[in-house]
N, C-alpha and C. Protein backbone atom coordinates (compact mmCIF):
# COMPACT_ATOMS: atom_id res chain seq x y z
N UNK A 1 -2.74 55.72 -57.01
CA UNK A 1 -2.62 55.30 -58.63
C UNK A 1 -4.00 55.22 -59.21
N UNK A 2 -4.39 56.20 -60.12
CA UNK A 2 -5.88 55.89 -60.57
C UNK A 2 -6.10 54.49 -61.39
N UNK A 3 -7.19 54.45 -61.05
CA UNK A 3 -7.74 52.66 -62.01
C UNK A 3 -8.67 53.30 -63.09
N UNK A 4 -8.64 52.66 -63.96
CA UNK A 4 -9.71 53.10 -65.19
C UNK A 4 -11.27 51.92 -64.25
N UNK A 5 -12.25 53.06 -64.20
CA UNK A 5 -13.29 52.42 -64.21
C UNK A 5 -13.79 53.42 -62.53
N UNK A 6 -12.38 53.74 -61.64
CA UNK A 6 -12.80 54.15 -60.45
C UNK A 6 -13.54 55.33 -60.63
N UNK A 7 -14.06 56.14 -59.57
CA UNK A 7 -14.45 56.98 -59.35
C UNK A 7 -13.86 58.14 -58.42
N UNK A 8 -14.19 59.36 -58.69
CA UNK A 8 -13.04 60.37 -57.45
C UNK A 8 -14.26 60.55 -56.57
N UNK A 9 -13.45 61.46 -55.62
CA UNK A 9 -13.22 61.70 -54.23
C UNK A 9 -14.21 62.83 -54.07
N UNK A 10 -15.52 62.90 -53.70
CA UNK A 10 -16.23 64.08 -53.62
C UNK A 10 -16.03 64.61 -52.58
N UNK A 11 -16.07 66.29 -52.32
CA UNK A 11 -15.60 67.01 -51.59
C UNK A 11 -16.28 67.20 -50.20
N UNK A 12 -15.69 67.46 -49.06
CA UNK A 12 -16.26 67.11 -47.66
C UNK A 12 -16.59 68.58 -47.43
N UNK A 13 -17.91 68.74 -47.03
CA UNK A 13 -18.07 70.24 -46.45
C UNK A 13 -19.36 70.34 -45.25
N UNK A 14 -18.37 70.68 -44.20
CA UNK A 14 -18.89 70.95 -42.98
C UNK A 14 -17.99 71.93 -42.29
N UNK A 15 -18.54 72.27 -40.94
CA UNK A 15 -18.07 73.22 -40.38
C UNK A 15 -17.78 72.99 -38.68
N UNK A 16 -16.70 72.32 -38.16
CA UNK A 16 -16.61 71.70 -37.13
C UNK A 16 -16.10 72.63 -36.29
N UNK A 17 -16.57 72.90 -34.92
CA UNK A 17 -15.75 73.58 -34.12
C UNK A 17 -14.49 73.92 -34.16
N UNK A 18 -13.96 75.09 -33.29
CA UNK A 18 -12.34 74.96 -33.59
C UNK A 18 -11.95 73.76 -32.51
N UNK A 19 -10.52 73.49 -33.37
CA UNK A 19 -9.87 72.10 -32.37
C UNK A 19 -8.67 72.29 -32.05
N UNK A 20 -8.61 71.51 -30.78
CA UNK A 20 -7.14 71.82 -30.14
C UNK A 20 -6.49 70.89 -30.69
N UNK A 21 -5.44 70.77 -31.76
CA UNK A 21 -4.70 68.98 -32.17
C UNK A 21 -3.66 68.90 -31.06
N UNK A 22 -3.49 67.46 -31.28
CA UNK A 22 -2.07 67.24 -30.48
C UNK A 22 -0.59 67.56 -31.07
N UNK A 23 0.10 68.11 -30.49
CA UNK A 23 1.19 68.53 -31.29
C UNK A 23 2.22 67.08 -32.08
N UNK A 24 2.51 67.18 -32.87
CA UNK A 24 3.47 66.47 -33.61
C UNK A 24 4.61 66.72 -33.52
N UNK A 25 5.62 65.99 -33.21
CA UNK A 25 6.94 66.33 -33.32
C UNK A 25 7.93 65.65 -34.10
N UNK A 26 8.54 66.50 -34.75
CA UNK A 26 9.43 65.99 -35.41
C UNK A 26 10.43 64.54 -35.22
N UNK A 27 10.56 63.43 -35.85
CA UNK A 27 11.38 62.70 -35.19
C UNK A 27 12.71 62.07 -36.14
N UNK A 28 13.70 62.41 -35.99
CA UNK A 28 15.29 62.59 -36.47
C UNK A 28 15.49 60.99 -36.56
N UNK A 29 14.69 60.10 -35.90
CA UNK A 29 15.23 58.35 -36.07
C UNK A 29 14.02 57.58 -36.45
N UNK A 30 13.14 58.11 -37.68
CA UNK A 30 12.47 57.68 -38.81
C UNK A 30 13.10 58.08 -40.04
N UNK A 31 12.86 56.95 -40.93
CA UNK A 31 12.94 57.20 -42.17
C UNK A 31 11.77 56.63 -43.13
N UNK A 32 12.23 57.10 -44.29
CA UNK A 32 10.44 56.97 -45.27
C UNK A 32 11.22 55.63 -46.24
N UNK A 33 10.32 54.75 -46.57
CA UNK A 33 10.55 53.53 -47.65
C UNK A 33 9.35 53.82 -48.94
N UNK A 34 9.78 53.21 -49.84
CA UNK A 34 9.23 53.54 -50.75
C UNK A 34 8.67 51.85 -51.25
N UNK A 35 7.23 52.05 -51.75
CA UNK A 35 6.64 50.89 -51.68
C UNK A 35 6.37 50.48 -53.06
N UNK A 36 6.35 51.78 -53.67
CA UNK A 36 5.76 51.66 -55.25
C UNK A 36 6.49 53.27 -55.85
N UNK A 37 7.53 53.06 -56.53
CA UNK A 37 8.58 54.06 -57.33
C UNK A 37 7.36 54.93 -57.86
N UNK A 38 7.72 56.71 -57.52
CA UNK A 38 6.78 57.73 -57.79
C UNK A 38 5.33 57.36 -57.44
N UNK A 39 4.83 56.60 -56.62
CA UNK A 39 3.56 56.27 -56.37
C UNK A 39 3.14 56.09 -54.98
N UNK A 40 4.12 55.28 -54.08
CA UNK A 40 3.51 55.17 -52.52
C UNK A 40 4.59 55.24 -51.78
N UNK A 41 4.68 55.99 -50.83
CA UNK A 41 5.76 56.10 -49.78
C UNK A 41 5.21 55.93 -48.39
N UNK A 42 6.29 55.48 -47.34
CA UNK A 42 5.39 55.14 -46.12
C UNK A 42 6.72 55.13 -45.05
N UNK A 43 6.19 56.01 -43.98
CA UNK A 43 6.97 56.60 -42.94
C UNK A 43 6.63 55.98 -41.50
N UNK A 44 7.06 54.67 -41.22
CA UNK A 44 6.68 54.27 -40.14
C UNK A 44 7.18 54.92 -38.77
N UNK A 45 6.24 55.11 -38.02
CA UNK A 45 6.17 55.86 -36.68
C UNK A 45 6.20 57.32 -36.88
N UNK A 46 5.98 57.68 -37.86
CA UNK A 46 5.70 59.05 -37.66
C UNK A 46 5.02 59.73 -36.73
N UNK A 47 3.97 59.02 -36.56
CA UNK A 47 3.28 59.91 -34.84
C UNK A 47 3.63 58.27 -34.34
N UNK A 48 4.05 59.01 -32.73
CA UNK A 48 4.77 57.76 -31.42
C UNK A 48 3.05 57.26 -31.19
N UNK A 49 3.26 56.58 -30.09
CA UNK A 49 2.37 55.93 -29.80
C UNK A 49 1.31 57.04 -28.74
N UNK A 50 1.90 57.49 -27.93
CA UNK A 50 1.20 58.59 -27.44
C UNK A 50 0.77 59.92 -28.25
N UNK A 51 0.86 60.49 -29.22
CA UNK A 51 0.35 61.00 -30.55
C UNK A 51 -0.93 60.23 -30.94
N UNK A 52 -0.60 59.32 -30.90
CA UNK A 52 -1.61 58.87 -32.01
C UNK A 52 -2.82 58.38 -30.56
N UNK A 53 -2.70 57.90 -29.50
CA UNK A 53 -3.53 57.80 -28.68
C UNK A 53 -4.28 59.16 -28.03
N UNK A 54 -3.56 60.58 -28.56
CA UNK A 54 -4.29 61.85 -28.40
C UNK A 54 -5.22 61.93 -29.41
N UNK A 55 -4.65 61.48 -30.45
CA UNK A 55 -5.39 61.68 -31.77
C UNK A 55 -6.67 61.01 -31.75
N UNK A 56 -6.65 59.80 -31.04
CA UNK A 56 -7.67 58.66 -31.27
C UNK A 56 -8.50 59.54 -30.11
N UNK A 57 -8.26 59.57 -28.67
CA UNK A 57 -9.10 60.58 -27.77
C UNK A 57 -9.59 61.61 -29.08
N UNK A 58 -9.09 62.67 -29.29
CA UNK A 58 -9.87 63.96 -30.19
C UNK A 58 -10.77 63.00 -30.66
N UNK A 59 -10.48 62.50 -31.89
CA UNK A 59 -11.62 62.35 -33.13
C UNK A 59 -12.77 61.60 -32.10
N UNK A 60 -12.53 60.55 -31.61
CA UNK A 60 -14.13 60.23 -30.43
C UNK A 60 -14.63 61.84 -29.79
N UNK A 61 -13.90 62.76 -29.88
CA UNK A 61 -14.68 63.54 -28.91
C UNK A 61 -15.54 64.57 -29.94
N UNK A 62 -15.31 64.58 -31.03
CA UNK A 62 -16.06 65.51 -32.33
C UNK A 62 -16.69 64.79 -32.65
N UNK A 63 -17.71 65.92 -33.70
CA UNK A 63 -19.24 65.38 -33.91
C UNK A 63 -18.78 65.33 -35.41
N UNK A 64 -18.01 63.93 -35.81
CA UNK A 64 -17.99 63.49 -37.15
C UNK A 64 -19.67 62.88 -37.44
N UNK A 65 -19.51 62.91 -38.91
CA UNK A 65 -20.91 62.78 -39.57
C UNK A 65 -21.16 61.82 -40.55
N UNK A 66 -22.39 60.52 -40.61
CA UNK A 66 -22.06 59.59 -40.79
C UNK A 66 -22.26 60.20 -42.35
N UNK A 67 -21.68 59.42 -43.54
CA UNK A 67 -21.35 59.70 -44.87
C UNK A 67 -23.12 59.51 -45.55
N UNK A 68 -23.50 60.47 -46.26
CA UNK A 68 -24.50 60.84 -47.11
C UNK A 68 -24.66 59.15 -48.23
N UNK A 69 -25.48 58.78 -48.74
CA UNK A 69 -25.43 57.65 -49.92
C UNK A 69 -24.68 58.61 -50.88
N UNK A 70 -23.79 57.88 -51.61
CA UNK A 70 -23.01 58.44 -52.64
C UNK A 70 -24.22 58.66 -54.01
N UNK A 71 -23.91 59.76 -54.32
CA UNK A 71 -24.14 60.16 -55.19
C UNK A 71 -23.74 59.43 -57.04
N UNK A 72 -24.03 59.97 -58.18
CA UNK A 72 -23.79 59.54 -59.27
C UNK A 72 -22.16 59.83 -59.43
N UNK A 73 -21.66 59.08 -60.01
CA UNK A 73 -20.07 59.31 -60.20
C UNK A 73 -19.22 59.32 -58.82
N UNK A 74 -20.02 59.13 -57.81
CA UNK A 74 -19.06 59.33 -56.34
C UNK A 74 -18.93 57.71 -56.02
N UNK A 75 -17.77 57.62 -54.88
CA UNK A 75 -17.07 56.52 -54.52
C UNK A 75 -17.90 55.99 -53.14
N UNK A 76 -18.49 55.06 -53.16
CA UNK A 76 -19.42 54.51 -51.86
C UNK A 76 -18.51 54.34 -51.14
N UNK A 77 -18.91 54.60 -50.27
CA UNK A 77 -18.21 54.58 -48.52
C UNK A 77 -19.57 54.52 -47.70
N UNK A 78 -19.18 54.07 -46.26
CA UNK A 78 -19.66 53.62 -45.27
C UNK A 78 -18.55 53.96 -44.11
N UNK A 79 -18.54 54.96 -43.69
CA UNK A 79 -18.02 55.79 -42.41
C UNK A 79 -18.78 57.08 -41.73
N UNK A 80 -17.78 57.65 -40.81
CA UNK A 80 -17.92 59.08 -40.45
C UNK A 80 -16.73 59.82 -40.47
N UNK A 81 -16.72 60.99 -40.83
CA UNK A 81 -16.05 61.96 -41.23
C UNK A 81 -16.46 63.21 -41.19
N UNK A 82 -15.41 64.30 -41.03
CA UNK A 82 -15.33 65.78 -40.81
C UNK A 82 -14.19 66.44 -41.54
N UNK A 83 -14.46 67.75 -41.99
CA UNK A 83 -13.44 68.26 -42.82
C UNK A 83 -13.13 69.99 -41.92
N UNK A 84 -11.99 70.30 -41.97
CA UNK A 84 -11.62 71.76 -41.25
C UNK A 84 -10.61 72.15 -41.74
N UNK A 85 -10.79 73.47 -41.83
CA UNK A 85 -9.64 74.03 -42.66
C UNK A 85 -8.27 75.02 -41.42
N UNK A 86 -7.39 74.24 -41.53
CA UNK A 86 -6.63 74.81 -39.98
C UNK A 86 -5.26 74.83 -40.59
N UNK A 87 -4.80 76.30 -41.11
CA UNK A 87 -3.51 76.44 -41.99
C UNK A 87 -2.58 76.23 -40.67
N UNK A 88 -2.69 76.48 -39.70
CA UNK A 88 -1.68 76.17 -38.22
C UNK A 88 -1.44 75.01 -38.43
N UNK A 89 -2.10 74.31 -38.41
CA UNK A 89 -2.12 72.44 -37.85
C UNK A 89 -1.48 71.96 -39.10
N UNK A 90 -1.60 72.00 -40.83
CA UNK A 90 -1.27 71.89 -41.67
C UNK A 90 0.48 72.23 -41.50
N UNK A 91 0.52 73.18 -41.26
CA UNK A 91 1.96 73.69 -41.22
C UNK A 91 2.92 73.04 -40.07
N UNK A 92 2.27 72.45 -38.96
CA UNK A 92 3.07 72.03 -38.33
C UNK A 92 3.47 70.58 -38.83
N UNK A 93 2.16 70.04 -39.20
CA UNK A 93 2.71 68.81 -39.82
C UNK A 93 3.47 68.79 -41.00
N UNK A 94 3.47 69.95 -42.08
CA UNK A 94 4.49 69.89 -42.93
C UNK A 94 5.87 69.86 -42.03
N UNK A 95 6.29 70.91 -40.78
CA UNK A 95 7.30 70.78 -40.34
C UNK A 95 7.85 69.73 -40.11
N UNK A 96 7.42 68.54 -39.47
CA UNK A 96 7.50 66.95 -39.29
C UNK A 96 8.17 66.19 -40.18
N UNK A 97 7.06 66.39 -41.33
CA UNK A 97 6.90 65.51 -42.41
C UNK A 97 7.85 65.97 -43.63
N UNK A 98 8.52 67.19 -43.47
CA UNK A 98 9.58 67.73 -44.62
C UNK A 98 10.58 67.01 -44.65
N UNK A 99 11.12 66.80 -43.83
CA UNK A 99 12.66 66.47 -44.24
C UNK A 99 12.63 64.69 -44.91
N UNK A 100 11.39 64.11 -45.03
CA UNK A 100 10.86 62.86 -45.86
C UNK A 100 10.55 63.29 -47.12
N UNK A 101 10.07 64.81 -47.80
CA UNK A 101 9.68 64.71 -48.55
C UNK A 101 10.19 65.82 -49.57
N UNK A 102 11.47 66.23 -49.16
CA UNK A 102 11.90 67.11 -50.08
C UNK A 102 12.65 66.69 -51.34
N UNK A 103 12.80 65.63 -51.79
CA UNK A 103 13.00 65.43 -52.68
C UNK A 103 12.00 64.21 -54.02
N UNK A 104 10.76 64.52 -53.28
CA UNK A 104 9.41 64.07 -53.83
C UNK A 104 9.49 64.93 -55.50
N UNK A 105 9.40 63.83 -56.22
CA UNK A 105 8.86 64.10 -57.30
C UNK A 105 7.79 65.03 -58.19
N UNK A 106 8.38 66.00 -58.76
CA UNK A 106 6.47 66.95 -58.88
C UNK A 106 6.04 66.24 -60.52
N UNK A 107 4.61 66.55 -60.91
CA UNK A 107 4.16 65.81 -61.75
C UNK A 107 4.40 67.13 -63.04
N UNK A 108 4.88 68.68 -62.41
CA UNK A 108 5.66 69.84 -63.47
C UNK A 108 6.90 69.53 -64.17
N UNK A 109 7.15 68.43 -64.41
CA UNK A 109 8.90 68.44 -65.09
C UNK A 109 9.12 69.31 -65.56
N UNK A 110 8.25 69.92 -66.47
CA UNK A 110 8.88 71.19 -67.44
C UNK A 110 9.49 72.48 -66.79
N UNK A 111 9.07 72.63 -65.51
CA UNK A 111 9.60 73.72 -64.46
C UNK A 111 10.87 73.87 -64.50
N UNK A 112 11.63 74.84 -64.68
CA UNK A 112 13.11 74.96 -64.18
C UNK A 112 12.85 76.38 -63.38
N UNK A 113 13.74 76.49 -62.40
CA UNK A 113 14.13 75.07 -61.33
C UNK A 113 12.77 74.13 -61.25
N UNK A 114 13.02 72.77 -61.21
CA UNK A 114 11.70 72.05 -60.80
C UNK A 114 11.08 72.49 -59.45
N UNK A 115 9.90 71.99 -59.26
CA UNK A 115 9.10 72.13 -58.45
C UNK A 115 9.42 71.10 -57.35
N UNK A 116 9.30 71.59 -55.94
CA UNK A 116 9.84 71.13 -54.81
C UNK A 116 8.48 71.25 -54.07
N UNK A 117 7.95 70.39 -53.00
CA UNK A 117 7.24 70.10 -52.13
C UNK A 117 7.36 71.36 -51.39
N UNK A 118 6.64 72.14 -51.13
CA UNK A 118 6.86 72.88 -49.51
C UNK A 118 5.35 73.10 -48.91
N UNK A 119 4.49 72.42 -48.88
CA UNK A 119 3.13 72.43 -47.23
C UNK A 119 2.18 71.62 -47.91
N UNK A 120 1.83 71.60 -46.77
CA UNK A 120 0.32 70.41 -47.13
C UNK A 120 -0.76 71.25 -47.28
N UNK A 121 -1.89 70.70 -47.55
CA UNK A 121 -3.37 71.52 -48.06
C UNK A 121 -3.90 71.61 -46.68
N UNK A 122 -4.34 73.11 -46.07
CA UNK A 122 -4.89 73.25 -45.21
C UNK A 122 -6.08 72.58 -44.46
N UNK A 123 -7.01 71.61 -45.52
CA UNK A 123 -8.10 71.26 -45.08
C UNK A 123 -7.51 70.06 -45.16
N UNK A 124 -8.12 69.58 -43.64
CA UNK A 124 -7.75 68.43 -42.93
C UNK A 124 -8.84 67.69 -42.96
N UNK A 125 -8.89 66.18 -43.10
CA UNK A 125 -10.10 65.53 -43.23
C UNK A 125 -10.34 64.34 -42.45
N UNK A 126 -10.83 64.03 -41.70
CA UNK A 126 -10.83 63.12 -40.48
C UNK A 126 -11.69 61.80 -40.56
N UNK A 127 -11.52 60.57 -40.67
CA UNK A 127 -12.43 59.66 -41.16
C UNK A 127 -12.33 58.38 -39.81
N UNK A 128 -13.40 58.24 -39.63
CA UNK A 128 -13.21 56.56 -38.47
C UNK A 128 -14.47 55.79 -39.19
N UNK A 129 -13.22 54.19 -39.35
CA UNK A 129 -14.30 53.39 -39.47
C UNK A 129 -14.45 52.53 -38.58
N UNK A 130 -15.69 52.17 -38.18
CA UNK A 130 -16.26 50.99 -37.42
C UNK A 130 -16.33 50.00 -38.18
N UNK A 131 -16.21 48.75 -37.70
CA UNK A 131 -15.77 47.29 -38.32
C UNK A 131 -17.05 47.25 -39.35
N UNK A 132 -16.60 46.82 -40.29
CA UNK A 132 -17.81 46.30 -41.42
C UNK A 132 -17.72 48.01 -42.44
N UNK A 133 -17.32 49.06 -42.12
CA UNK A 133 -17.45 50.19 -42.79
C UNK A 133 -16.19 50.17 -43.69
N UNK A 134 -16.67 50.83 -44.81
CA UNK A 134 -15.65 51.16 -45.72
C UNK A 134 -15.53 51.90 -46.65
N UNK A 135 -14.66 51.95 -48.03
CA UNK A 135 -14.36 53.12 -48.30
C UNK A 135 -13.88 52.44 -50.05
N UNK A 136 -14.87 52.49 -50.84
CA UNK A 136 -15.03 51.74 -51.80
C UNK A 136 -13.71 52.23 -53.18
N UNK A 137 -13.37 51.67 -54.42
CA UNK A 137 -12.37 52.08 -54.75
C UNK A 137 -12.78 53.86 -55.65
N UNK A 138 -11.50 54.01 -55.68
CA UNK A 138 -11.99 55.93 -55.90
C UNK A 138 -10.28 56.45 -56.56
N UNK A 139 -10.09 57.59 -56.83
CA UNK A 139 -9.22 58.21 -57.03
C UNK A 139 -9.27 59.34 -56.24
N UNK A 140 -8.27 59.88 -55.93
CA UNK A 140 -7.87 61.65 -55.39
C UNK A 140 -7.64 62.41 -56.72
N UNK A 141 -8.34 63.59 -56.41
CA UNK A 141 -8.34 64.65 -57.37
C UNK A 141 -7.11 65.37 -56.55
N UNK A 142 -6.13 65.91 -57.63
CA UNK A 142 -5.58 67.38 -57.29
C UNK A 142 -6.77 68.30 -56.57
N UNK A 143 -5.97 68.97 -55.48
CA UNK A 143 -6.85 70.28 -54.40
C UNK A 143 -6.51 71.18 -54.36
N UNK A 144 -6.82 72.57 -54.47
CA UNK A 144 -6.54 73.35 -54.41
C UNK A 144 -6.52 73.84 -52.83
N UNK A 145 -5.45 74.85 -52.78
CA UNK A 145 -5.98 75.14 -51.43
C UNK A 145 -6.03 77.12 -51.65
N UNK A 146 -6.95 77.32 -51.91
CA UNK A 146 -7.18 78.84 -51.79
C UNK A 146 -6.09 79.91 -50.79
N UNK A 147 -6.09 79.41 -49.99
CA UNK A 147 -5.45 80.35 -48.96
C UNK A 147 -4.14 80.67 -49.52
N UNK A 148 -3.54 79.48 -49.56
CA UNK A 148 -1.59 78.77 -50.23
C UNK A 148 -1.56 79.27 -51.84
N UNK A 149 -2.88 79.67 -52.30
CA UNK A 149 -2.58 79.48 -53.86
C UNK A 149 -1.95 78.08 -54.51
N UNK A 150 -2.23 77.05 -53.83
CA UNK A 150 -1.33 75.69 -54.30
C UNK A 150 -2.41 74.99 -54.77
N UNK A 151 -1.70 73.94 -55.37
CA UNK A 151 -2.59 72.43 -55.74
C UNK A 151 -2.04 71.42 -55.60
N UNK A 152 -2.88 70.38 -54.70
CA UNK A 152 -1.90 69.05 -53.93
C UNK A 152 -1.63 68.64 -55.04
N UNK A 153 -0.42 67.69 -55.29
CA UNK A 153 0.08 66.23 -55.99
C UNK A 153 0.21 65.19 -55.61
N UNK A 154 0.23 64.82 -53.79
CA UNK A 154 0.29 63.77 -53.07
C UNK A 154 -0.47 64.19 -52.11
N UNK A 155 -1.23 63.02 -51.80
CA UNK A 155 -2.30 62.61 -50.58
C UNK A 155 -1.66 61.96 -49.64
N UNK A 156 -1.97 62.49 -48.49
CA UNK A 156 -0.91 62.12 -46.81
C UNK A 156 -2.22 61.49 -45.91
N UNK A 157 -1.44 60.40 -45.32
CA UNK A 157 -2.96 59.39 -44.65
C UNK A 157 -1.83 59.38 -43.65
N UNK A 158 -2.56 59.33 -42.22
CA UNK A 158 -2.01 59.10 -41.11
C UNK A 158 -2.86 57.80 -40.81
N UNK A 159 -2.06 56.99 -39.86
CA UNK A 159 -3.19 56.14 -39.26
C UNK A 159 -2.77 56.07 -37.91
N UNK A 160 -4.27 55.85 -37.21
CA UNK A 160 -4.06 56.41 -35.76
C UNK A 160 -4.41 55.21 -34.81
N UNK A 161 -4.58 54.08 -35.55
CA UNK A 161 -4.93 52.55 -35.00
C UNK A 161 -4.17 51.97 -35.89
N UNK A 162 -3.84 50.61 -35.63
CA UNK A 162 -3.85 49.10 -36.95
C UNK A 162 -3.36 48.09 -36.04
N UNK A 163 -2.42 47.64 -36.54
CA UNK A 163 -2.90 45.85 -36.65
C UNK A 163 -2.44 45.88 -34.56
N UNK A 164 -1.62 46.45 -34.28
CA UNK A 164 -0.74 46.35 -32.83
C UNK A 164 -2.39 46.80 -31.70
N UNK A 165 -3.27 47.49 -32.39
CA UNK A 165 -4.86 47.79 -31.59
C UNK A 165 -5.80 46.53 -31.71
N UNK A 166 -5.28 45.55 -32.54
CA UNK A 166 -6.38 44.99 -32.47
C UNK A 166 -7.42 45.05 -34.07
N UNK A 167 -6.72 46.19 -34.94
CA UNK A 167 -7.72 46.39 -36.06
C UNK A 167 -7.65 45.26 -37.24
N UNK A 168 -8.42 44.47 -37.91
CA UNK A 168 -8.64 43.33 -38.60
C UNK A 168 -8.99 44.23 -39.90
N UNK A 169 -8.14 43.81 -41.36
CA UNK A 169 -8.72 44.55 -42.32
C UNK A 169 -8.36 46.17 -42.39
N UNK A 170 -9.36 46.61 -43.20
CA UNK A 170 -9.30 48.46 -43.06
C UNK A 170 -7.94 48.89 -43.79
N UNK A 171 -6.94 48.33 -44.60
CA UNK A 171 -6.16 48.70 -45.16
C UNK A 171 -6.94 49.28 -46.45
N UNK A 172 -5.27 50.29 -46.77
CA UNK A 172 -5.68 51.11 -48.24
C UNK A 172 -5.28 50.04 -49.31
N UNK A 173 -5.78 49.90 -50.02
CA UNK A 173 -5.59 48.73 -51.19
C UNK A 173 -5.42 49.56 -52.85
N UNK A 174 -4.12 49.28 -53.17
CA UNK A 174 -4.13 50.25 -54.36
C UNK A 174 -3.88 49.05 -55.91
N UNK A 175 -4.17 49.49 -56.53
CA UNK A 175 -4.69 48.85 -57.74
C UNK A 175 -3.42 49.55 -58.88
N UNK A 176 -2.53 48.70 -59.16
CA UNK A 176 -1.71 48.99 -60.80
C UNK A 176 -2.07 48.32 -61.91
N UNK A 177 -1.82 49.17 -62.62
CA UNK A 177 -2.35 48.42 -63.63
C UNK A 177 -1.19 47.28 -64.49
N UNK A 178 -1.98 46.30 -64.69
CA UNK A 178 -0.95 45.37 -65.38
C UNK A 178 -1.04 45.18 -66.67
N UNK A 179 -2.04 45.85 -67.81
CA UNK A 179 -2.25 45.58 -68.87
C UNK A 179 -3.57 44.53 -68.79
N UNK A 180 -4.02 44.54 -70.17
CA UNK A 180 -5.18 44.01 -70.73
C UNK A 180 -6.07 43.87 -69.69
N UNK A 181 -6.66 45.18 -68.93
CA UNK A 181 -7.52 44.56 -68.15
C UNK A 181 -6.86 44.53 -66.71
N UNK A 182 -6.17 43.66 -66.27
CA UNK A 182 -5.33 43.20 -64.95
C UNK A 182 -4.89 44.14 -64.03
N UNK A 183 -4.99 44.24 -63.14
CA UNK A 183 -4.20 44.76 -61.73
C UNK A 183 -3.79 44.11 -60.96
N UNK A 184 -2.52 44.41 -60.37
CA UNK A 184 -2.25 44.02 -59.03
C UNK A 184 -2.34 44.50 -57.65
N UNK A 185 -2.83 43.84 -56.76
CA UNK A 185 -3.00 44.72 -56.14
C UNK A 185 -1.79 44.82 -54.80
N UNK A 186 -1.65 45.90 -54.61
CA UNK A 186 -0.83 46.65 -53.57
C UNK A 186 -1.20 47.19 -52.40
N UNK A 187 -1.15 46.31 -50.97
CA UNK A 187 -1.61 46.14 -49.88
C UNK A 187 -0.53 46.70 -48.70
N UNK A 188 -0.61 48.18 -48.80
CA UNK A 188 0.52 48.52 -47.29
C UNK A 188 -0.40 47.65 -45.84
N UNK A 189 0.96 47.66 -45.10
CA UNK A 189 0.10 47.11 -43.83
C UNK A 189 -0.36 47.93 -42.92
N UNK A 190 -1.32 47.67 -41.77
CA UNK A 190 -1.77 48.67 -41.74
C UNK A 190 -1.51 49.00 -40.19
N UNK A 191 -0.57 49.51 -40.00
CA UNK A 191 0.23 49.76 -38.61
C UNK A 191 0.06 51.14 -38.30
N UNK A 192 0.11 51.24 -36.31
CA UNK A 192 -0.47 52.38 -36.20
C UNK A 192 0.60 53.33 -36.14
N UNK A 193 0.58 54.83 -36.34
CA UNK A 193 1.28 56.06 -36.49
C UNK A 193 1.83 56.06 -38.07
N UNK A 194 2.02 55.34 -38.89
CA UNK A 194 2.53 55.23 -39.87
C UNK A 194 1.66 56.20 -41.15
N UNK A 195 3.09 57.09 -41.78
CA UNK A 195 2.25 58.18 -42.38
C UNK A 195 2.53 57.39 -43.92
N UNK A 196 1.49 57.64 -44.54
CA UNK A 196 1.35 56.69 -46.15
C UNK A 196 1.26 57.88 -46.96
N UNK A 197 2.10 58.35 -48.09
CA UNK A 197 1.64 59.14 -49.46
C UNK A 197 1.57 58.41 -50.54
N UNK A 198 0.76 58.93 -51.27
CA UNK A 198 0.32 58.39 -52.40
C UNK A 198 0.03 58.99 -53.41
N UNK A 199 -0.13 58.91 -54.89
CA UNK A 199 -0.64 59.54 -55.78
C UNK A 199 -1.07 58.63 -56.71
């Protein structure tokens, strides 16, 4: 959710080597839950413990880069990151998450028939945080996917580690406007394998 005074996320530019991704299997025993209507949705156990372990090992093996100092208008962050274009991996992720997003509303309410989710952006971003690192207040822009000719409406986050692994802090904090310059913090639990959708 955008917050007045927040800054936007800058684009990540990198050219990593070809990546052999773990397989994400669709799971018919999980369900989504709404944390904030039309804003925040959680899917617990979207990734299994084994899949999270594979992703963790993969990320540790990749040459993630330390973030440079923030430029004017950019969110302050201290972490390591990488970006890669991979339509095939995006398609695999979408197949796994599709049953949970089919009814998500679109911003484009004027369209007839109404717009429906159909894919994930092929720009995959990886972030790694060590103790004391952080990502300052910001909002996510709609991002274009040149290969698909689409624009994003939701951001998907996958948590590879969480409280189960001894992680303290590190949650994604949302600021809900409450009027008169007041906000309410919405802080989803940081659970391993959870998928978080927000806009």
